[in-house]
Amino acid sequence: MKRLIAGLALAMFALTAAAQSAYPNRPIKLIVPFAPGQVTDWLARMLGEQMAAELGQPVVVENRAGANGTIGSAYAVTQPADGYTLVITSNGTHSAGPNLFKKLGYDPLTSFTHIGGLMSLPWMLMVRPDFPAKDIKEFIAYAKQNPGKLAVGYGSSSSRLAIHLLKSAKLEVLEVPYKGLGQTVIDVRSGQLQFTFLDMGSAMNQEKGGGLRGLAVTSPKRSPVANDKPAMSEVIPGYEMVSWLGIGAPAGTPEAAVKRVHDVVSKILARDDIRQKIAAYGGEVMPLNGAQIVDLIRTETPVWARFVKEAGIEPE
């Protein structure tokens, strides 16, 4: 009998080990803490499709927007740390969040298992096609001639920082918070807002459709995909704002699952066709590992603390 029990125990152990080694054996949930139509959603859906093909299981994208991405991030860390919940991370949710909100519902470092980087990209200042200023120099001159009369909407921490840096040119503008960037586009087109900042991919789509017109990019140099647009730094010395996106999971996620996801994502990002898609969107592949993402967050968080202090922002 003892031999039988021991044999059964070994068999159960073997079955458990086999099940664990078979990751993934069911669908994976990829949480996007921003609304559909933004760069995070675009990247997550493209990545999820490629991951599903590599892993042999569906990757289901779930949008949970609000509070500059912190609501979805807080939700992600409440999910089981079993490898079947992943989340898109960013400079906004992990470097800016601790400085903009009194209670995040998560610790950017300890609440997550950071798996790696995905991409970085600049933003673009956007206005209506009939806006009086035809370029960024004229825009700044117009804003100075009309202090406090230009309203700008922001729907993320990165777009908020872009506005703050713009104000370093001694511009007085009215800042209006939004749940997501999509509504800022609607309100600029309707005239309720005079301008906004969009990630490069969204900005180029708006230009192609004739809905909005871009004036300048936030990268330190001109973007290869929009070389006709000057960098903000050409008019405002020192202006630079480039955001990043990564992928993580709840803290305590099994190492085997983390490694599997990291290896698959790295393989996908190394492909020429994926790099070309990201480049066409105005971004650049950011193949960092989890430890490098942690270092990046630690480096950027004090920078955001300084920005919040300089801007006189009271954490919510």
C-alpha atoms as a PDB file:
ATOM      1  CA  MET A   1       0.000   0.000   0.000  1.00  0.00           C
ATOM      2  CA  LYS A   2       2.816   2.422   0.888  1.00  0.00           C
ATOM      3  CA  ARG A   3       4.390   1.740  -2.504  1.00  0.00           C
ATOM      4  CA  LEU A   4       1.064   2.390  -4.208  1.00  0.00           C
ATOM      5  CA  ILE A   5       0.599   5.710  -2.374  1.00  0.00           C
ATOM      6  CA  ALA A   6       4.168   6.731  -3.156  1.00  0.00           C
ATOM      7  CA  GLY A   7       3.639   5.830  -6.796  1.00  0.00           C
ATOM      8  CA  LEU A   8       0.449   7.855  -6.975  1.00  0.00           C
ATOM      9  CA  ALA A   9       2.174  10.816  -5.360  1.00  0.00           C
ATOM     10  CA  LEU A  10       4.986  10.677  -7.897  1.00  0.00           C
ATOM     11  CA  ALA A  11       2.486  10.426 -10.726  1.00  0.00           C
ATOM     12  CA  MET A  12       0.581  13.450  -9.442  1.00  0.00           C
ATOM     13  CA  PHE A  13       3.840  15.400  -9.112  1.00  0.00           C
ATOM     14  CA  ALA A  14       4.786  14.486 -12.676  1.00  0.00           C
ATOM     15  CA  LEU A  15       1.376  15.554 -13.985  1.00  0.00           C
ATOM     16  CA  THR A  16       1.600  18.868 -12.109  1.00  0.00           C
ATOM     17  CA  ALA A  17       5.100  19.515 -13.407  1.00  0.00           C
ATOM     18  CA  ALA A  18       4.005  18.673 -16.929  1.00  0.00           C
ATOM     19  CA  ALA A  19       1.051  21.050 -16.678  1.00  0.00           C
ATOM     20  CA  GLN A  20       3.295  23.841 -15.428  1.00  0.00           C
ATOM     21  CA  SER A  21       5.861  23.229 -18.159  1.00  0.00           C
ATOM     22  CA  ALA A  22       3.129  23.356 -20.802  1.00  0.00           C
ATOM     23  CA  TYR A  23       2.614  27.095 -20.363  1.00  0.00           C
ATOM     24  CA  PRO A  24       0.516  28.456 -21.836  1.00  0.00           C
ATOM     25  CA  ASN A  25      -2.337  25.959 -21.976  1.00  0.00           C
ATOM     26  CA  ARG A  26      -5.215  28.454 -22.010  1.00  0.00           C
ATOM     27  CA  PRO A  27      -5.903  32.017 -23.240  1.00  0.00           C
ATOM     28  CA  ILE A  28      -3.785  34.903 -21.943  1.00  0.00           C
ATOM     29  CA  LYS A  29      -5.262  38.277 -20.990  1.00  0.00           C
ATOM     30  CA  LEU A  30      -3.288  41.384 -22.032  1.00  0.00           C
ATOM     31  CA  ILE A  31      -4.488  44.478 -20.173  1.00  0.00           C
ATOM     32  CA  VAL A  32      -4.182  47.869 -21.877  1.00  0.00           C
ATOM     33  CA  PRO A  33      -4.638  50.658 -19.292  1.00  0.00           C
ATOM     34  CA  PHE A  34      -5.703  53.155 -21.965  1.00  0.00           C
ATOM     35  CA  ALA A  35      -8.663  53.584 -24.295  1.00  0.00           C
ATOM     36  CA  PRO A  36      -8.892  52.020 -27.783  1.00  0.00           C
ATOM     37  CA  GLY A  37      -7.488  54.101 -30.611  1.00  0.00           C
ATOM     38  CA  GLN A  38      -4.246  55.054 -28.862  1.00  0.00           C
ATOM     39  CA  VAL A  39      -0.743  53.744 -29.454  1.00  0.00           C
ATOM     40  CA  THR A  40      -0.931  51.358 -26.495  1.00  0.00           C
ATOM     41  CA  ASP A  41      -4.009  49.696 -27.940  1.00  0.00           C
ATOM     42  CA  TRP A  42      -2.511  49.500 -31.438  1.00  0.00           C
ATOM     43  CA  LEU A  43       0.702  47.958 -30.152  1.00  0.00           C
ATOM     44  CA  ALA A  44      -1.051  45.527 -27.812  1.00  0.00           C
ATOM     45  CA  ARG A  45      -3.322  44.197 -30.553  1.00  0.00           C
ATOM     46  CA  MET A  46      -0.496  43.800 -33.043  1.00  0.00           C
ATOM     47  CA  LEU A  47       1.716  42.149 -30.416  1.00  0.00           C
ATOM     48  CA  GLY A  48      -1.095  39.978 -29.106  1.00  0.00           C
ATOM     49  CA  GLU A  49      -1.813  38.591 -32.555  1.00  0.00           C
ATOM     50  CA  GLN A  50       1.845  37.674 -33.050  1.00  0.00           C
ATOM     51  CA  MET A  51       2.156  36.214 -29.548  1.00  0.00           C
ATOM     52  CA  ALA A  52      -0.902  34.032 -30.096  1.00  0.00           C
ATOM     53  CA  ALA A  53       0.685  32.583 -33.226  1.00  0.00           C
ATOM     54  CA  GLU A  54       3.909  31.836 -31.342  1.00  0.00           C
ATOM     55  CA  LEU A  55       2.343  30.512 -28.135  1.00  0.00           C
ATOM     56  CA  GLY A  56      -0.541  28.589 -29.648  1.00  0.00           C
ATOM     57  CA  GLN A  57      -3.099  30.251 -27.368  1.00  0.00           C
ATOM     58  CA  PRO A  58      -5.334  33.323 -27.855  1.00  0.00           C
ATOM     59  CA  VAL A  59      -4.090  36.602 -26.387  1.00  0.00           C
ATOM     60  CA  VAL A  60      -7.150  38.637 -25.452  1.00  0.00           C
ATOM     61  CA  VAL A  61      -6.670  42.413 -25.237  1.00  0.00           C
ATOM     62  CA  GLU A  62      -8.701  44.084 -22.483  1.00  0.00           C
ATOM     63  CA  ASN A  63      -8.904  47.904 -22.291  1.00  0.00           C
ATOM     64  CA  ARG A  64      -9.282  49.427 -18.819  1.00  0.00           C
ATOM     65  CA  ALA A  65      -8.800  53.161 -19.240  1.00  0.00           C
ATOM     66  CA  GLY A  66      -8.854  56.041 -16.778  1.00  0.00           C
ATOM     67  CA  ALA A  67      -6.681  58.226 -14.531  1.00  0.00           C
ATOM     68  CA  ASN A  68      -3.778  58.358 -16.988  1.00  0.00           C
ATOM     69  CA  GLY A  69      -3.565  54.576 -17.152  1.00  0.00           C
ATOM     70  CA  THR A  70      -3.364  53.971 -13.410  1.00  0.00           C
ATOM     71  CA  ILE A  71      -6.811  52.364 -13.101  1.00  0.00           C
ATOM     72  CA  GLY A  72      -5.961  49.556 -15.515  1.00  0.00           C
ATOM     73  CA  SER A  73      -2.525  49.109 -13.963  1.00  0.00           C
ATOM     74  CA  ALA A  74      -4.038  48.825 -10.476  1.00  0.00           C
ATOM     75  CA  TYR A  75      -6.516  46.265 -11.791  1.00  0.00           C
ATOM     76  CA  ALA A  76      -3.743  44.192 -13.362  1.00  0.00           C
ATOM     77  CA  VAL A  77      -1.922  43.621 -10.078  1.00  0.00           C
ATOM     78  CA  THR A  78      -5.098  42.231  -8.470  1.00  0.00           C
ATOM     79  CA  GLN A  79      -5.176  39.372 -10.973  1.00  0.00           C
ATOM     80  CA  PRO A  80      -3.653  35.938 -10.293  1.00  0.00           C
ATOM     81  CA  ALA A  81       0.107  35.876 -10.759  1.00  0.00           C
ATOM     82  CA  ASP A  82      -0.010  32.753 -12.893  1.00  0.00           C
ATOM     83  CA  GLY A  83       1.297  33.996 -16.222  1.00  0.00           C
ATOM     84  CA  TYR A  84      -2.154  34.385 -17.734  1.00  0.00           C
ATOM     85  CA  THR A  85      -2.452  38.116 -17.026  1.00  0.00           C
ATOM     86  CA  LEU A  86      -0.059  40.511 -18.752  1.00  0.00           C
ATOM     87  CA  VAL A  87      -0.201  44.313 -18.840  1.00  0.00           C
ATOM     88  CA  ILE A  88       1.207  47.105 -20.978  1.00  0.00           C
ATOM     89  CA  THR A  89       3.438  49.335 -18.848  1.00  0.00           C
ATOM     90  CA  SER A  90       4.603  52.864 -19.649  1.00  0.00           C
ATOM     91  CA  ASN A  91       6.443  55.916 -18.422  1.00  0.00           C
ATOM     92  CA  GLY A  92       3.036  57.424 -17.611  1.00  0.00           C
ATOM     93  CA  THR A  93       1.772  54.586 -15.419  1.00  0.00           C
ATOM     94  CA  HIS A  94       5.085  53.732 -13.777  1.00  0.00           C
ATOM     95  CA  SER A  95       7.236  56.875 -13.648  1.00  0.00           C
ATOM     96  CA  ALA A  96       4.668  59.677 -13.692  1.00  0.00           C
ATOM     97  CA  GLY A  97       1.880  57.955 -11.750  1.00  0.00           C
ATOM     98  CA  PRO A  98       3.597  57.965  -8.338  1.00  0.00           C
ATOM     99  CA  ASN A  99       4.000  61.732  -8.590  1.00  0.00           C
ATOM    100  CA  LEU A 100       0.550  62.582  -9.962  1.00  0.00           C
ATOM    101  CA  PHE A 101      -1.621  60.464  -7.644  1.00  0.00           C
ATOM    102  CA  LYS A 102      -1.621  60.132  -3.877  1.00  0.00           C
ATOM    103  CA  LYS A 103      -2.962  56.581  -3.999  1.00  0.00           C
ATOM    104  CA  LEU A 104      -2.072  54.488  -7.016  1.00  0.00           C
ATOM    105  CA  GLY A 105      -3.257  51.114  -5.837  1.00  0.00           C
ATOM    106  CA  TYR A 106       0.120  49.643  -6.780  1.00  0.00           C
ATOM    107  CA  ASP A 107       3.857  50.124  -6.424  1.00  0.00           C
ATOM    108  CA  PRO A 108       5.452  50.619  -9.868  1.00  0.00           C
ATOM    109  CA  LEU A 109       8.377  48.401  -8.907  1.00  0.00           C
ATOM    110  CA  THR A 110       7.262  45.818  -6.359  1.00  0.00           C
ATOM    111  CA  SER A 111       3.700  45.180  -7.580  1.00  0.00           C
ATOM    112  CA  PHE A 112       4.876  44.022 -10.999  1.00  0.00           C
ATOM    113  CA  THR A 113       7.135  41.501 -12.618  1.00  0.00           C
ATOM    114  CA  HIS A 114       8.635  43.610 -15.390  1.00  0.00           C
ATOM    115  CA  ILE A 115       9.241  41.464 -18.457  1.00  0.00           C
ATOM    116  CA  GLY A 116      10.739  43.895 -20.979  1.00  0.00           C
ATOM    117  CA  GLY A 117      10.480  46.935 -23.221  1.00  0.00           C
ATOM    118  CA  LEU A 118       8.448  47.209 -26.401  1.00  0.00           C
ATOM    119  CA  MET A 119       8.812  50.579 -28.089  1.00  0.00           C
ATOM    120  CA  SER A 120       9.519  54.283 -27.645  1.00  0.00           C
ATOM    121  CA  LEU A 121       7.995  57.119 -29.633  1.00  0.00           C
ATOM    122  CA  PRO A 122       7.648  60.912 -29.736  1.00  0.00           C
ATOM    123  CA  TRP A 123       4.469  62.982 -29.916  1.00  0.00           C
ATOM    124  CA  MET A 124       3.219  65.771 -32.185  1.00  0.00           C
ATOM    125  CA  LEU A 125       1.479  69.078 -31.518  1.00  0.00           C
ATOM    126  CA  MET A 126      -1.804  69.064 -33.450  1.00  0.00           C
ATOM    127  CA  VAL A 127      -4.225  71.844 -34.472  1.00  0.00           C
ATOM    128  CA  ARG A 128      -7.219  72.203 -36.788  1.00  0.00           C
ATOM    129  CA  PRO A 129      -6.379  72.627 -40.486  1.00  0.00           C
ATOM    130  CA  ASP A 130      -7.731  76.201 -40.356  1.00  0.00           C
ATOM    131  CA  PHE A 131      -5.753  77.241 -37.259  1.00  0.00           C
ATOM    132  CA  PRO A 132      -4.211  80.712 -37.900  1.00  0.00           C
ATOM    133  CA  ALA A 133      -0.615  79.599 -37.291  1.00  0.00           C
ATOM    134  CA  LYS A 134       0.967  77.687 -40.156  1.00  0.00           C
ATOM    135  CA  ASP A 135       4.072  76.489 -38.286  1.00  0.00           C
ATOM    136  CA  ILE A 136       5.389  76.161 -34.733  1.00  0.00           C
ATOM    137  CA  LYS A 137       7.022  79.601 -34.717  1.00  0.00           C
ATOM    138  CA  GLU A 138       3.752  81.226 -35.719  1.00  0.00           C
ATOM    139  CA  PHE A 139       1.934  79.078 -33.150  1.00  0.00           C
ATOM    140  CA  ILE A 140       4.116  80.324 -30.297  1.00  0.00           C
ATOM    141  CA  ALA A 141       3.757  83.922 -31.465  1.00  0.00           C
ATOM    142  CA  TYR A 142      -0.024  83.517 -31.700  1.00  0.00           C
ATOM    143  CA  ALA A 143      -0.236  81.952 -28.235  1.00  0.00           C
ATOM    144  CA  LYS A 144       1.760  84.826 -26.741  1.00  0.00           C
ATOM    145  CA  GLN A 145      -0.559  87.315 -28.398  1.00  0.00           C
ATOM    146  CA  ASN A 146      -3.556  85.490 -26.903  1.00  0.00           C
ATOM    147  CA  PRO A 147      -2.561  84.558 -23.339  1.00  0.00           C
ATOM    148  CA  GLY A 148      -4.999  82.207 -21.624  1.00  0.00           C
ATOM    149  CA  LYS A 149      -7.223  81.952 -24.696  1.00  0.00           C
ATOM    150  CA  LEU A 150      -5.907  78.669 -26.109  1.00  0.00           C
ATOM    151  CA  ALA A 151      -7.289  75.480 -24.549  1.00  0.00           C
ATOM    152  CA  VAL A 152      -5.333  72.235 -24.791  1.00  0.00           C
ATOM    153  CA  GLY A 153      -6.546  68.769 -23.823  1.00  0.00           C
ATOM    154  CA  TYR A 154      -4.469  65.952 -22.385  1.00  0.00           C
ATOM    155  CA  GLY A 155      -5.418  62.325 -21.854  1.00  0.00           C
ATOM    156  CA  SER A 156      -2.165  60.840 -20.590  1.00  0.00           C
ATOM    157  CA  SER A 157       0.841  61.732 -18.486  1.00  0.00           C
ATOM    158  CA  SER A 158       3.037  62.058 -21.572  1.00  0.00           C
ATOM    159  CA  SER A 159       0.684  64.546 -23.233  1.00  0.00           C
ATOM    160  CA  ARG A 160       0.542  66.472 -19.953  1.00  0.00           C
ATOM    161  CA  LEU A 161       4.339  66.681 -19.816  1.00  0.00           C
ATOM    162  CA  ALA A 162       4.418  67.842 -23.435  1.00  0.00           C
ATOM    163  CA  ILE A 163       2.147  70.744 -22.460  1.00  0.00           C
ATOM    164  CA  HIS A 164       4.316  71.650 -19.471  1.00  0.00           C
ATOM    165  CA  LEU A 165       7.428  71.756 -21.629  1.00  0.00           C
ATOM    166  CA  LEU A 166       5.585  73.955 -24.109  1.00  0.00           C
ATOM    167  CA  LYS A 167       4.746  76.364 -21.297  1.00  0.00           C
ATOM    168  CA  SER A 168       8.472  76.756 -20.622  1.00  0.00           C
ATOM    169  CA  ALA A 169       8.363  79.179 -23.574  1.00  0.00           C
ATOM    170  CA  LYS A 170       6.268  81.415 -21.273  1.00  0.00           C
ATOM    171  CA  LEU A 171       2.956  80.529 -22.874  1.00  0.00           C
ATOM    172  CA  GLU A 172      -0.298  80.797 -20.938  1.00  0.00           C
ATOM    173  CA  VAL A 173      -2.738  78.086 -22.014  1.00  0.00           C
ATOM    174  CA  LEU A 174      -5.780  76.473 -20.428  1.00  0.00           C
ATOM    175  CA  GLU A 175      -5.191  72.777 -19.665  1.00  0.00           C
ATOM    176  CA  VAL A 176      -8.202  70.456 -19.799  1.00  0.00           C
ATOM    177  CA  PRO A 177      -7.956  66.835 -18.554  1.00  0.00           C
ATOM    178  CA  TYR A 178      -9.581  63.971 -20.498  1.00  0.00           C
ATOM    179  CA  LYS A 179     -10.016  60.264 -19.894  1.00  0.00           C
ATOM    180  CA  GLY A 180      -8.311  59.481 -23.195  1.00  0.00           C
ATOM    181  CA  LEU A 181      -6.755  61.149 -26.223  1.00  0.00           C
ATOM    182  CA  GLY A 182      -9.605  60.246 -28.569  1.00  0.00           C
ATOM    183  CA  GLN A 183     -11.921  62.842 -27.058  1.00  0.00           C
ATOM    184  CA  THR A 184      -9.264  65.550 -27.332  1.00  0.00           C
ATOM    185  CA  VAL A 185      -9.169  64.912 -31.075  1.00  0.00           C
ATOM    186  CA  ILE A 186     -12.939  65.289 -31.322  1.00  0.00           C
ATOM    187  CA  ASP A 187     -12.880  68.527 -29.335  1.00  0.00           C
ATOM    188  CA  VAL A 188     -10.006  70.057 -31.310  1.00  0.00           C
ATOM    189  CA  ARG A 189     -11.821  69.264 -34.545  1.00  0.00           C
ATOM    190  CA  SER A 190     -15.027  70.837 -33.192  1.00  0.00           C
ATOM    191  CA  GLY A 191     -13.214  73.931 -31.931  1.00  0.00           C
ATOM    192  CA  GLN A 192     -13.744  73.380 -28.206  1.00  0.00           C
ATOM    193  CA  LEU A 193      -9.980  72.924 -27.886  1.00  0.00           C
ATOM    194  CA  GLN A 194      -7.378  74.769 -29.911  1.00  0.00           C
ATOM    195  CA  PHE A 195      -4.684  72.098 -29.840  1.00  0.00           C
ATOM    196  CA  THR A 196      -3.548  68.804 -28.358  1.00  0.00           C
ATOM    197  CA  PHE A 197      -0.571  66.439 -28.407  1.00  0.00           C
ATOM    198  CA  LEU A 198      -0.920  62.996 -30.013  1.00  0.00           C
ATOM    199  CA  ASP A 199       1.454  60.062 -30.276  1.00  0.00           C
ATOM    200  CA  MET A 200       3.123  59.972 -33.680  1.00  0.00           C
ATOM    201  CA  GLY A 201       1.012  57.183 -35.137  1.00  0.00           C
ATOM    202  CA  SER A 202      -2.288  58.786 -34.168  1.00  0.00           C
ATOM    203  CA  ALA A 203      -1.009  62.167 -35.323  1.00  0.00           C
ATOM    204  CA  MET A 204      -0.049  60.896 -38.770  1.00  0.00           C
ATOM    205  CA  ASN A 205      -3.399  59.155 -39.153  1.00  0.00           C
ATOM    206  CA  GLN A 206      -5.177  62.407 -38.351  1.00  0.00           C
ATOM    207  CA  GLU A 207      -3.094  64.273 -40.917  1.00  0.00           C
ATOM    208  CA  LYS A 208      -3.736  61.682 -43.604  1.00  0.00           C
ATOM    209  CA  GLY A 209      -7.459  61.906 -42.949  1.00  0.00           C
ATOM    210  CA  GLY A 210      -7.370  65.697 -43.032  1.00  0.00           C
ATOM    211  CA  GLY A 211      -8.845  66.007 -39.546  1.00  0.00           C
ATOM    212  CA  LEU A 212      -5.916  67.738 -37.858  1.00  0.00           C
ATOM    213  CA  ARG A 213      -2.625  69.330 -38.843  1.00  0.00           C
ATOM    214  CA  GLY A 214       0.717  68.686 -37.147  1.00  0.00           C
ATOM    215  CA  LEU A 215       3.107  71.518 -36.302  1.00  0.00           C
ATOM    216  CA  ALA A 216       6.098  69.938 -34.543  1.00  0.00           C
ATOM    217  CA  VAL A 217       7.368  66.720 -32.942  1.00  0.00           C
ATOM    218  CA  THR A 218       8.529  66.289 -29.351  1.00  0.00           C
ATOM    219  CA  SER A 219      11.643  64.226 -30.089  1.00  0.00           C
ATOM    220  CA  PRO A 220      15.021  65.998 -29.836  1.00  0.00           C
ATOM    221  CA  LYS A 221      15.407  65.692 -33.617  1.00  0.00           C
ATOM    222  CA  ARG A 222      12.991  65.445 -36.534  1.00  0.00           C
ATOM    223  CA  SER A 223      11.251  62.128 -37.007  1.00  0.00           C
ATOM    224  CA  PRO A 224      12.228  60.073 -40.093  1.00  0.00           C
ATOM    225  CA  VAL A 225       8.528  59.467 -40.830  1.00  0.00           C
ATOM    226  CA  ALA A 226       7.603  63.159 -40.554  1.00  0.00           C
ATOM    227  CA  ASN A 227      10.747  64.961 -41.616  1.00  0.00           C
ATOM    228  CA  ASP A 228       8.747  67.977 -42.779  1.00  0.00           C
ATOM    229  CA  LYS A 229       7.775  68.662 -39.160  1.00  0.00           C
ATOM    230  CA  PRO A 230      10.383  70.504 -37.090  1.00  0.00           C
ATOM    231  CA  ALA A 231      11.388  69.278 -33.648  1.00  0.00           C
ATOM    232  CA  MET A 232      10.049  71.443 -30.829  1.00  0.00           C
ATOM    233  CA  SER A 233      13.667  71.899 -29.725  1.00  0.00           C
ATOM    234  CA  GLU A 234      14.329  73.908 -32.902  1.00  0.00           C
ATOM    235  CA  VAL A 235      12.147  76.642 -31.433  1.00  0.00           C
ATOM    236  CA  ILE A 236      12.221  75.854 -27.698  1.00  0.00           C
ATOM    237  CA  PRO A 237      15.815  74.871 -26.755  1.00  0.00           C
ATOM    238  CA  GLY A 238      16.005  71.768 -24.576  1.00  0.00           C
ATOM    239  CA  TYR A 239      12.476  70.591 -25.376  1.00  0.00           C
ATOM    240  CA  GLU A 240      12.325  66.777 -25.423  1.00  0.00           C
ATOM    241  CA  MET A 241       9.568  64.295 -24.600  1.00  0.00           C
ATOM    242  CA  VAL A 242       9.693  60.672 -25.757  1.00  0.00           C
ATOM    243  CA  SER A 243       7.434  58.069 -24.170  1.00  0.00           C
ATOM    244  CA  TRP A 244       7.975  54.320 -23.833  1.00  0.00           C
ATOM    245  CA  LEU A 245       5.879  51.172 -23.555  1.00  0.00           C
ATOM    246  CA  GLY A 246       6.764  47.845 -21.965  1.00  0.00           C
ATOM    247  CA  ILE A 247       5.132  44.606 -20.894  1.00  0.00           C
ATOM    248  CA  GLY A 248       4.786  43.205 -17.401  1.00  0.00           C
ATOM    249  CA  ALA A 249       2.748  40.920 -15.156  1.00  0.00           C
ATOM    250  CA  PRO A 250       1.604  40.835 -11.514  1.00  0.00           C
ATOM    251  CA  ALA A 251       4.439  40.362  -9.014  1.00  0.00           C
ATOM    252  CA  GLY A 252       5.152  36.719  -8.288  1.00  0.00           C
ATOM    253  CA  THR A 253       4.421  35.459 -11.790  1.00  0.00           C
ATOM    254  CA  PRO A 254       6.325  32.158 -12.287  1.00  0.00           C
ATOM    255  CA  GLU A 255       9.789  32.592 -13.728  1.00  0.00           C
ATOM    256  CA  ALA A 256       9.134  30.008 -16.429  1.00  0.00           C
ATOM    257  CA  ALA A 257       6.133  31.974 -17.725  1.00  0.00           C
ATOM    258  CA  VAL A 258       8.054  35.257 -17.576  1.00  0.00           C
ATOM    259  CA  LYS A 259      10.945  33.779 -19.543  1.00  0.00           C
ATOM    260  CA  ARG A 260       8.596  32.279 -22.126  1.00  0.00           C
ATOM    261  CA  VAL A 261       6.828  35.610 -22.683  1.00  0.00           C
ATOM    262  CA  HIS A 262      10.120  37.514 -22.778  1.00  0.00           C
ATOM    263  CA  ASP A 263      11.631  35.132 -25.329  1.00  0.00           C
ATOM    264  CA  VAL A 264       8.549  35.239 -27.551  1.00  0.00           C
ATOM    265  CA  VAL A 265       8.252  39.038 -27.392  1.00  0.00           C
ATOM    266  CA  SER A 266      11.980  39.438 -28.120  1.00  0.00           C
ATOM    267  CA  LYS A 267      11.643  37.143 -31.136  1.00  0.00           C
ATOM    268  CA  ILE A 268       8.690  39.159 -32.436  1.00  0.00           C
ATOM    269  CA  LEU A 269      10.401  42.535 -31.955  1.00  0.00           C
ATOM    270  CA  ALA A 270      13.517  41.293 -33.768  1.00  0.00           C
ATOM    271  CA  ARG A 271      11.556  40.636 -36.956  1.00  0.00           C
ATOM    272  CA  ASP A 272      12.080  43.115 -39.775  1.00  0.00           C
ATOM    273  CA  ASP A 273       8.384  43.364 -40.596  1.00  0.00           C
ATOM    274  CA  ILE A 274       7.501  44.241 -36.992  1.00  0.00           C
ATOM    275  CA  ARG A 275      10.305  46.790 -36.763  1.00  0.00           C
ATOM    276  CA  GLN A 276       9.062  48.359 -39.989  1.00  0.00           C
ATOM    277  CA  LYS A 277       5.499  48.564 -38.668  1.00  0.00           C
ATOM    278  CA  ILE A 278       6.658  50.247 -35.479  1.00  0.00           C
ATOM    279  CA  ALA A 279       8.905  52.606 -37.456  1.00  0.00           C
ATOM    280  CA  ALA A 280       6.019  53.471 -39.785  1.00  0.00           C
ATOM    281  CA  TYR A 281       3.997  54.351 -36.696  1.00  0.00           C
ATOM    282  CA  GLY A 282       6.739  56.800 -35.727  1.00  0.00           C
ATOM    283  CA  GLY A 283       8.250  54.599 -33.024  1.00  0.00           C
ATOM    284  CA  GLU A 284      11.381  52.617 -32.374  1.00  0.00           C
ATOM    285  CA  VAL A 285      11.750  49.105 -30.968  1.00  0.00           C
ATOM    286  CA  MET A 286      12.969  49.170 -27.349  1.00  0.00           C
ATOM    287  CA  PRO A 287      14.384  45.682 -26.627  1.00  0.00           C
ATOM    288  CA  LEU A 288      15.085  46.123 -22.904  1.00  0.00           C
ATOM    289  CA  ASN A 289      14.863  43.311 -20.361  1.00  0.00           C
ATOM    290  CA  GLY A 290      12.915  43.457 -17.108  1.00  0.00           C
ATOM    291  CA  ALA A 291      15.861  44.665 -15.005  1.00  0.00           C
ATOM    292  CA  GLN A 292      16.511  47.493 -17.464  1.00  0.00           C
ATOM    293  CA  ILE A 293      12.857  48.566 -17.282  1.00  0.00           C
ATOM    294  CA  VAL A 294      13.159  48.696 -13.485  1.00  0.00           C
ATOM    295  CA  ASP A 295      16.285  50.865 -13.816  1.00  0.00           C
ATOM    296  CA  LEU A 296      14.461  53.137 -16.274  1.00  0.00           C
ATOM    297  CA  ILE A 297      11.562  53.627 -13.868  1.00  0.00           C
ATOM    298  CA  ARG A 298      13.934  54.415 -11.004  1.00  0.00           C
ATOM    299  CA  THR A 299      15.724  56.976 -13.171  1.00  0.00           C
ATOM    300  CA  GLU A 300      12.604  58.664 -14.521  1.00  0.00           C
ATOM    301  CA  THR A 301      10.515  58.886 -11.351  1.00  0.00           C
ATOM    302  CA  PRO A 302      12.609  61.724  -9.813  1.00  0.00           C
ATOM    303  CA  VAL A 303      12.418  63.570 -13.144  1.00  0.00           C
ATOM    304  CA  TRP A 304       8.631  63.454 -12.954  1.00  0.00           C
ATOM    305  CA  ALA A 305       8.777  64.590  -9.332  1.00  0.00           C
ATOM    306  CA  ARG A 306      10.642  67.691 -10.460  1.00  0.00           C
ATOM    307  CA  PHE A 307       8.166  68.313 -13.268  1.00  0.00           C
ATOM    308  CA  VAL A 308       5.198  68.080 -10.891  1.00  0.00           C
ATOM    309  CA  LYS A 309       6.854  70.489  -8.484  1.00  0.00           C
ATOM    310  CA  GLU A 310       7.802  72.991 -11.189  1.00  0.00           C
ATOM    311  CA  ALA A 311       4.327  72.857 -12.712  1.00  0.00           C
ATOM    312  CA  GLY A 312       2.701  73.374  -9.324  1.00  0.00           C
ATOM    313  CA  ILE A 313       0.567  70.244  -9.782  1.00  0.00           C
ATOM    314  CA  GLU A 314      -1.203  68.996  -6.667  1.00  0.00           C
ATOM    315  CA  PRO A 315      -1.306  65.156  -6.709  1.00  0.00           C
ATOM    316  CA  GLU A 316      -4.868  63.895  -6.999  1.00  0.00           C
END
